[in-house]
Amino acid sequence: MKNTRNILIIIGIAFMVLGVFRGEVSTVFIKSINICLECIGIG
């Protein structure tokens, strides 16, 4: 079980690093800001 958890953590970190290198950080921030503004009712 512990080995499986470590493998999943490593895969998760690898996908996060891949997303950063692909430039998806700004896309995620823009989408999160839009969702936030819609929930509050400003946008």
C-alpha atoms as a PDB file:
ATOM      1  CA  MET A   1       0.000   0.000   0.000  1.00  0.00           C
ATOM      2  CA  LYS A   2       2.748   2.438   0.887  1.00  0.00           C
ATOM      3  CA  ASN A   3       4.506   1.767  -2.404  1.00  0.00           C
ATOM      4  CA  THR A   4       1.330   2.486  -4.385  1.00  0.00           C
ATOM      5  CA  ARG A   5       0.814   5.759  -2.539  1.00  0.00           C
ATOM      6  CA  ASN A   6       4.356   6.888  -3.311  1.00  0.00           C
ATOM      7  CA  ILE A   7       3.958   6.040  -6.992  1.00  0.00           C
ATOM      8  CA  LEU A   8       0.708   8.026  -7.188  1.00  0.00           C
ATOM      9  CA  ILE A   9       2.344  11.004  -5.478  1.00  0.00           C
ATOM     10  CA  ILE A  10       5.233  10.925  -7.953  1.00  0.00           C
ATOM     11  CA  ILE A  11       2.833  10.705 -10.910  1.00  0.00           C
ATOM     12  CA  GLY A  12       0.807  13.622  -9.535  1.00  0.00           C
ATOM     13  CA  ILE A  13       3.900  15.782  -9.131  1.00  0.00           C
ATOM     14  CA  ALA A  14       5.042  14.854 -12.641  1.00  0.00           C
ATOM     15  CA  PHE A  15       1.692  15.966 -14.100  1.00  0.00           C
ATOM     16  CA  MET A  16       1.863  19.262 -12.190  1.00  0.00           C
ATOM     17  CA  VAL A  17       5.372  19.942 -13.511  1.00  0.00           C
ATOM     18  CA  LEU A  18       4.224  19.055 -17.034  1.00  0.00           C
ATOM     19  CA  GLY A  19       1.336  21.515 -16.737  1.00  0.00           C
ATOM     20  CA  VAL A  20       3.672  24.275 -15.576  1.00  0.00           C
ATOM     21  CA  PHE A  21       6.006  23.685 -18.524  1.00  0.00           C
ATOM     22  CA  ARG A  22       3.049  23.736 -20.939  1.00  0.00           C
ATOM     23  CA  GLY A  23       2.014  27.158 -19.645  1.00  0.00           C
ATOM     24  CA  GLU A  24      -1.317  26.088 -18.196  1.00  0.00           C
ATOM     25  CA  VAL A  25      -0.871  27.955 -14.914  1.00  0.00           C
ATOM     26  CA  SER A  26      -2.268  31.196 -16.341  1.00  0.00           C
ATOM     27  CA  THR A  27      -5.241  29.341 -17.843  1.00  0.00           C
ATOM     28  CA  VAL A  28      -6.108  27.799 -14.493  1.00  0.00           C
ATOM     29  CA  PHE A  29      -5.816  31.166 -12.722  1.00  0.00           C
ATOM     30  CA  ILE A  30      -8.054  32.897 -15.285  1.00  0.00           C
ATOM     31  CA  LYS A  31     -10.706  30.183 -14.992  1.00  0.00           C
ATOM     32  CA  SER A  32     -10.587  30.253 -11.184  1.00  0.00           C
ATOM     33  CA  ILE A  33     -10.951  34.042 -11.133  1.00  0.00           C
ATOM     34  CA  ASN A  34     -13.945  33.848 -13.457  1.00  0.00           C
ATOM     35  CA  ILE A  35     -15.620  31.172 -11.325  1.00  0.00           C
ATOM     36  CA  CYS A  36     -14.981  33.214  -8.183  1.00  0.00           C
ATOM     37  CA  LEU A  37     -16.464  36.350  -9.683  1.00  0.00           C
ATOM     38  CA  GLU A  38     -19.537  34.447 -10.910  1.00  0.00           C
ATOM     39  CA  CYS A  39     -20.149  32.957  -7.473  1.00  0.00           C
ATOM     40  CA  ILE A  40     -19.938  36.349  -5.789  1.00  0.00           C
ATOM     41  CA  GLY A  41     -22.140  37.854  -8.504  1.00  0.00           C
ATOM     42  CA  ILE A  42     -19.782  40.555  -9.715  1.00  0.00           C
ATOM     43  CA  GLY A  43     -19.063  39.103 -13.161  1.00  0.00           C
END
